[in-house]
């Protein structure tokens, strides 16, 4: 995977083209420290934007992109996914992974397919996977050792020891 999804653009902020980005990992400083360009993905396709400035705020990160100079232009980015080139990120240590790498992974329990990861939520006490079941239901699975058997990032698979941890 060449790009890693950091989050999505929640809304325009102010009048000068800033956007509020909700990050999958709110503590991330990638936009302010490591990435000077991002890929913005929406229904219109992908486009590369230069990060002019980034700062944290309550509930997200405020970013000013080059060429996005007013509220209307910023508002047109609402809902777009924000991705960064993996090369801009430090390599995870052995056995570690980026939570964003779990997006799209298949989730299985001992009885078979549970669904696919559609979102990762970072809560104060635990990170969870939001899984869309084959029936279209959304369920959450805490990323806690007793319920997680295997996380195979390369194989795009999360295997659960049991479905007892699923929150419906």
C-alpha atoms as a PDB file:
ATOM      1  CA  UNK A   1       0.000   0.000   0.000  1.00  0.00           C
ATOM      2  CA  UNK A   2       1.688   3.196  -1.166  1.00  0.00           C
ATOM      3  CA  UNK A   3      -0.588   5.554   0.775  1.00  0.00           C
ATOM      4  CA  UNK A   4      -1.914   5.408   4.315  1.00  0.00           C
ATOM      5  CA  UNK A   5      -5.233   7.005   5.193  1.00  0.00           C
ATOM      6  CA  UNK A   6      -4.850   9.479   8.048  1.00  0.00           C
ATOM      7  CA  UNK A   7      -8.493  10.508   8.361  1.00  0.00           C
ATOM      8  CA  UNK A   8     -11.112  12.604   6.604  1.00  0.00           C
ATOM      9  CA  UNK A   9     -12.038  16.250   6.139  1.00  0.00           C
ATOM     10  CA  UNK A  10     -14.892  17.007   8.522  1.00  0.00           C
ATOM     11  CA  UNK A  11     -15.651  20.615   7.586  1.00  0.00           C
ATOM     12  CA  UNK A  12     -14.417  23.994   6.465  1.00  0.00           C
ATOM     13  CA  UNK A  13     -12.977  26.177   9.224  1.00  0.00           C
ATOM     14  CA  UNK A  14     -13.079  29.938   9.034  1.00  0.00           C
ATOM     15  CA  UNK A  15     -13.101  32.052   5.876  1.00  0.00           C
ATOM     16  CA  UNK A  16      -9.568  31.582   4.503  1.00  0.00           C
ATOM     17  CA  UNK A  17      -9.718  27.982   3.293  1.00  0.00           C
ATOM     18  CA  UNK A  18      -8.701  25.969   6.347  1.00  0.00           C
ATOM     19  CA  UNK A  19     -10.281  22.566   6.881  1.00  0.00           C
ATOM     20  CA  UNK A  20     -10.802  20.523  10.022  1.00  0.00           C
ATOM     21  CA  UNK A  21      -9.466  16.992   9.612  1.00  0.00           C
ATOM     22  CA  UNK A  22     -10.576  14.146  11.866  1.00  0.00           C
ATOM     23  CA  UNK A  23      -7.617  11.816  12.203  1.00  0.00           C
ATOM     24  CA  UNK A  24      -7.914   8.077  12.789  1.00  0.00           C
ATOM     25  CA  UNK A  25      -5.251   8.568  15.449  1.00  0.00           C
ATOM     26  CA  UNK A  26      -5.910  11.994  16.998  1.00  0.00           C
ATOM     27  CA  UNK A  27      -2.394  12.244  18.505  1.00  0.00           C
ATOM     28  CA  UNK A  28      -0.748  12.027  15.081  1.00  0.00           C
ATOM     29  CA  UNK A  29       1.573  14.889  14.165  1.00  0.00           C
ATOM     30  CA  UNK A  30       2.272  13.637  10.633  1.00  0.00           C
ATOM     31  CA  UNK A  31       0.532  16.594   8.987  1.00  0.00           C
ATOM     32  CA  UNK A  32       2.463  19.140  11.006  1.00  0.00           C
ATOM     33  CA  UNK A  33       5.819  17.401  11.115  1.00  0.00           C
ATOM     34  CA  UNK A  34       6.403  14.819   8.369  1.00  0.00           C
ATOM     35  CA  UNK A  35       4.059  15.275   5.424  1.00  0.00           C
ATOM     36  CA  UNK A  36       4.163  18.369   3.259  1.00  0.00           C
ATOM     37  CA  UNK A  37       1.867  16.845   0.622  1.00  0.00           C
ATOM     38  CA  UNK A  38      -1.247  14.703   0.939  1.00  0.00           C
ATOM     39  CA  UNK A  39      -3.552  12.848  -1.382  1.00  0.00           C
ATOM     40  CA  UNK A  40      -7.175  13.946  -1.028  1.00  0.00           C
ATOM     41  CA  UNK A  41      -9.652  11.307  -2.225  1.00  0.00           C
ATOM     42  CA  UNK A  42     -13.333  11.963  -2.859  1.00  0.00           C
ATOM     43  CA  UNK A  43     -16.034  11.115  -5.410  1.00  0.00           C
ATOM     44  CA  UNK A  44     -14.328  13.381  -7.960  1.00  0.00           C
ATOM     45  CA  UNK A  45     -11.114  11.347  -7.693  1.00  0.00           C
ATOM     46  CA  UNK A  46      -7.673  11.877  -6.204  1.00  0.00           C
ATOM     47  CA  UNK A  47      -5.656  15.057  -6.096  1.00  0.00           C
ATOM     48  CA  UNK A  48      -2.394  15.965  -4.467  1.00  0.00           C
ATOM     49  CA  UNK A  49      -2.434  19.013  -2.214  1.00  0.00           C
ATOM     50  CA  UNK A  50       0.425  20.857  -0.545  1.00  0.00           C
ATOM     51  CA  UNK A  51       0.111  21.396   3.212  1.00  0.00           C
ATOM     52  CA  UNK A  52       0.872  25.050   3.934  1.00  0.00           C
ATOM     53  CA  UNK A  53       0.193  24.820   7.658  1.00  0.00           C
ATOM     54  CA  UNK A  54      -1.247  22.427  10.210  1.00  0.00           C
ATOM     55  CA  UNK A  55      -2.174  22.906  13.839  1.00  0.00           C
ATOM     56  CA  UNK A  56      -4.043  20.871  16.384  1.00  0.00           C
ATOM     57  CA  UNK A  57      -7.317  22.014  17.856  1.00  0.00           C
ATOM     58  CA  UNK A  58     -10.078  20.505  19.948  1.00  0.00           C
ATOM     59  CA  UNK A  59     -11.545  17.660  17.927  1.00  0.00           C
ATOM     60  CA  UNK A  60      -9.064  17.570  15.081  1.00  0.00           C
ATOM     61  CA  UNK A  61      -6.294  19.157  13.092  1.00  0.00           C
ATOM     62  CA  UNK A  62      -6.736  22.393  11.175  1.00  0.00           C
ATOM     63  CA  UNK A  63      -4.949  22.365   7.827  1.00  0.00           C
ATOM     64  CA  UNK A  64      -4.442  25.041   5.202  1.00  0.00           C
ATOM     65  CA  UNK A  65      -3.792  23.640   1.715  1.00  0.00           C
ATOM     66  CA  UNK A  66      -2.145  25.641  -1.068  1.00  0.00           C
ATOM     67  CA  UNK A  67      -4.756  26.769  -3.592  1.00  0.00           C
ATOM     68  CA  UNK A  68      -7.678  26.346  -1.215  1.00  0.00           C
ATOM     69  CA  UNK A  69      -8.157  29.986  -0.327  1.00  0.00           C
ATOM     70  CA  UNK A  70     -11.764  30.485   0.753  1.00  0.00           C
ATOM     71  CA  UNK A  71     -14.516  28.791   2.703  1.00  0.00           C
ATOM     72  CA  UNK A  72     -16.385  27.583  -0.404  1.00  0.00           C
ATOM     73  CA  UNK A  73     -13.314  25.805  -1.790  1.00  0.00           C
ATOM     74  CA  UNK A  74     -12.631  24.285   1.638  1.00  0.00           C
ATOM     75  CA  UNK A  75     -16.246  23.182   2.026  1.00  0.00           C
ATOM     76  CA  UNK A  76     -16.090  21.303  -1.297  1.00  0.00           C
ATOM     77  CA  UNK A  77     -13.471  19.036   0.341  1.00  0.00           C
ATOM     78  CA  UNK A  78     -15.882  17.979   3.112  1.00  0.00           C
ATOM     79  CA  UNK A  79     -15.971  14.189   3.471  1.00  0.00           C
ATOM     80  CA  UNK A  80     -12.805  13.602   1.412  1.00  0.00           C
ATOM     81  CA  UNK A  81     -10.321  11.052   2.731  1.00  0.00           C
ATOM     82  CA  UNK A  82      -6.815  12.309   3.512  1.00  0.00           C
ATOM     83  CA  UNK A  83      -3.922   9.995   2.694  1.00  0.00           C
ATOM     84  CA  UNK A  84      -0.179  10.392   3.027  1.00  0.00           C
ATOM     85  CA  UNK A  85       2.619   8.651   1.178  1.00  0.00           C
ATOM     86  CA  UNK A  86       3.851   5.786   3.341  1.00  0.00           C
ATOM     87  CA  UNK A  87       7.423   6.999   2.777  1.00  0.00           C
ATOM     88  CA  UNK A  88       6.605  10.083   4.894  1.00  0.00           C
ATOM     89  CA  UNK A  89       5.874   7.841   7.884  1.00  0.00           C
ATOM     90  CA  UNK A  90       8.409   6.131  10.117  1.00  0.00           C
ATOM     91  CA  UNK A  91       8.484   2.364   9.610  1.00  0.00           C
ATOM     92  CA  UNK A  92       6.646   0.505  12.366  1.00  0.00           C
ATOM     93  CA  UNK A  93       8.735  -1.811  14.500  1.00  0.00           C
ATOM     94  CA  UNK A  94       8.494  -5.588  14.134  1.00  0.00           C
ATOM     95  CA  UNK A  95       5.032  -6.739  15.196  1.00  0.00           C
ATOM     96  CA  UNK A  96       3.636  -3.204  15.026  1.00  0.00           C
ATOM     97  CA  UNK A  97       1.367  -1.682  12.403  1.00  0.00           C
ATOM     98  CA  UNK A  98      -0.533   1.484  11.662  1.00  0.00           C
ATOM     99  CA  UNK A  99      -4.201   1.296  12.635  1.00  0.00           C
ATOM    100  CA  UNK A 100      -5.019   2.687   9.184  1.00  0.00           C
ATOM    101  CA  UNK A 101      -3.480  -0.489   7.709  1.00  0.00           C
ATOM    102  CA  UNK A 102      -6.451  -2.408   9.113  1.00  0.00           C
ATOM    103  CA  UNK A 103      -8.996  -0.513   6.997  1.00  0.00           C
ATOM    104  CA  UNK A 104     -10.517  -2.913   4.495  1.00  0.00           C
ATOM    105  CA  UNK A 105      -9.181  -6.003   6.272  1.00  0.00           C
ATOM    106  CA  UNK A 106     -11.402  -9.069   6.452  1.00  0.00           C
ATOM    107  CA  UNK A 107     -12.413 -10.088   9.982  1.00  0.00           C
ATOM    108  CA  UNK A 108     -13.017 -13.741  10.834  1.00  0.00           C
ATOM    109  CA  UNK A 109     -13.962 -15.592  13.994  1.00  0.00           C
ATOM    110  CA  UNK A 110     -13.913 -19.368  14.563  1.00  0.00           C
ATOM    111  CA  UNK A 111     -17.251 -19.730  12.747  1.00  0.00           C
ATOM    112  CA  UNK A 112     -16.195 -17.777   9.633  1.00  0.00           C
ATOM    113  CA  UNK A 113     -16.498 -14.309   8.155  1.00  0.00           C
ATOM    114  CA  UNK A 114     -17.574 -11.505  10.496  1.00  0.00           C
ATOM    115  CA  UNK A 115     -17.156  -8.733   7.907  1.00  0.00           C
ATOM    116  CA  UNK A 116     -14.735  -6.035   6.765  1.00  0.00           C
ATOM    117  CA  UNK A 117     -13.100  -3.207   8.728  1.00  0.00           C
ATOM    118  CA  UNK A 118     -14.608   0.109   7.601  1.00  0.00           C
ATOM    119  CA  UNK A 119     -13.294   2.374  10.336  1.00  0.00           C
ATOM    120  CA  UNK A 120     -10.918   2.437  13.281  1.00  0.00           C
ATOM    121  CA  UNK A 121     -12.076   4.350  16.351  1.00  0.00           C
ATOM    122  CA  UNK A 122      -9.683   5.591  18.973  1.00  0.00           C
ATOM    123  CA  UNK A 123     -11.361   5.830  22.373  1.00  0.00           C
ATOM    124  CA  UNK A 124      -9.748   7.009  25.604  1.00  0.00           C
ATOM    125  CA  UNK A 125      -9.283   3.468  26.916  1.00  0.00           C
ATOM    126  CA  UNK A 126      -9.241   1.218  23.841  1.00  0.00           C
ATOM    127  CA  UNK A 127      -9.016   1.287  20.055  1.00  0.00           C
ATOM    128  CA  UNK A 128     -11.816  -0.476  18.209  1.00  0.00           C
ATOM    129  CA  UNK A 129     -12.461  -1.777  14.718  1.00  0.00           C
ATOM    130  CA  UNK A 130     -15.792  -0.871  13.146  1.00  0.00           C
ATOM    131  CA  UNK A 131     -16.822  -3.874  11.057  1.00  0.00           C
ATOM    132  CA  UNK A 132     -19.518  -4.016   8.396  1.00  0.00           C
ATOM    133  CA  UNK A 133     -21.046  -7.475   8.486  1.00  0.00           C
ATOM    134  CA  UNK A 134     -22.217  -9.248   5.315  1.00  0.00           C
ATOM    135  CA  UNK A 135     -25.775  -8.233   6.348  1.00  0.00           C
ATOM    136  CA  UNK A 136     -24.718  -4.560   6.401  1.00  0.00           C
ATOM    137  CA  UNK A 137     -24.799  -4.178  10.199  1.00  0.00           C
ATOM    138  CA  UNK A 138     -22.029  -2.166  11.868  1.00  0.00           C
ATOM    139  CA  UNK A 139     -20.406  -3.761  14.908  1.00  0.00           C
ATOM    140  CA  UNK A 140     -17.357  -2.779  16.954  1.00  0.00           C
ATOM    141  CA  UNK A 141     -14.529  -5.029  18.088  1.00  0.00           C
ATOM    142  CA  UNK A 142     -12.111  -3.780  20.761  1.00  0.00           C
ATOM    143  CA  UNK A 143      -8.465  -4.372  19.833  1.00  0.00           C
ATOM    144  CA  UNK A 144      -7.790  -6.231  23.065  1.00  0.00           C
ATOM    145  CA  UNK A 145      -5.590  -9.307  23.342  1.00  0.00           C
ATOM    146  CA  UNK A 146      -8.097 -11.856  24.686  1.00  0.00           C
ATOM    147  CA  UNK A 147     -10.318 -11.403  21.613  1.00  0.00           C
ATOM    148  CA  UNK A 148      -7.652 -10.919  18.939  1.00  0.00           C
ATOM    149  CA  UNK A 149      -5.903 -14.036  17.685  1.00  0.00           C
ATOM    150  CA  UNK A 150      -4.010 -12.772  14.613  1.00  0.00           C
ATOM    151  CA  UNK A 151      -3.535  -9.451  12.862  1.00  0.00           C
ATOM    152  CA  UNK A 152      -2.028 -10.121   9.448  1.00  0.00           C
ATOM    153  CA  UNK A 153      -1.562  -6.707   7.811  1.00  0.00           C
ATOM    154  CA  UNK A 154       0.025  -8.142   4.659  1.00  0.00           C
ATOM    155  CA  UNK A 155      -2.763 -10.706   4.304  1.00  0.00           C
ATOM    156  CA  UNK A 156      -5.454  -8.096   5.114  1.00  0.00           C
ATOM    157  CA  UNK A 157      -6.892 -10.344   7.847  1.00  0.00           C
ATOM    158  CA  UNK A 158      -7.923  -9.964  11.481  1.00  0.00           C
ATOM    159  CA  UNK A 159      -8.745 -13.274  13.143  1.00  0.00           C
ATOM    160  CA  UNK A 160     -10.708 -13.227  16.398  1.00  0.00           C
ATOM    161  CA  UNK A 161     -10.487 -15.924  19.075  1.00  0.00           C
ATOM    162  CA  UNK A 162     -14.229 -15.546  19.670  1.00  0.00           C
ATOM    163  CA  UNK A 163     -17.093 -13.259  18.715  1.00  0.00           C
ATOM    164  CA  UNK A 164     -17.762 -12.482  22.396  1.00  0.00           C
ATOM    165  CA  UNK A 165     -16.019  -9.098  22.099  1.00  0.00           C
ATOM    166  CA  UNK A 166     -18.274  -7.809  19.317  1.00  0.00           C
ATOM    167  CA  UNK A 167     -20.362  -4.831  20.371  1.00  0.00           C
ATOM    168  CA  UNK A 168     -23.630  -4.540  18.481  1.00  0.00           C
END
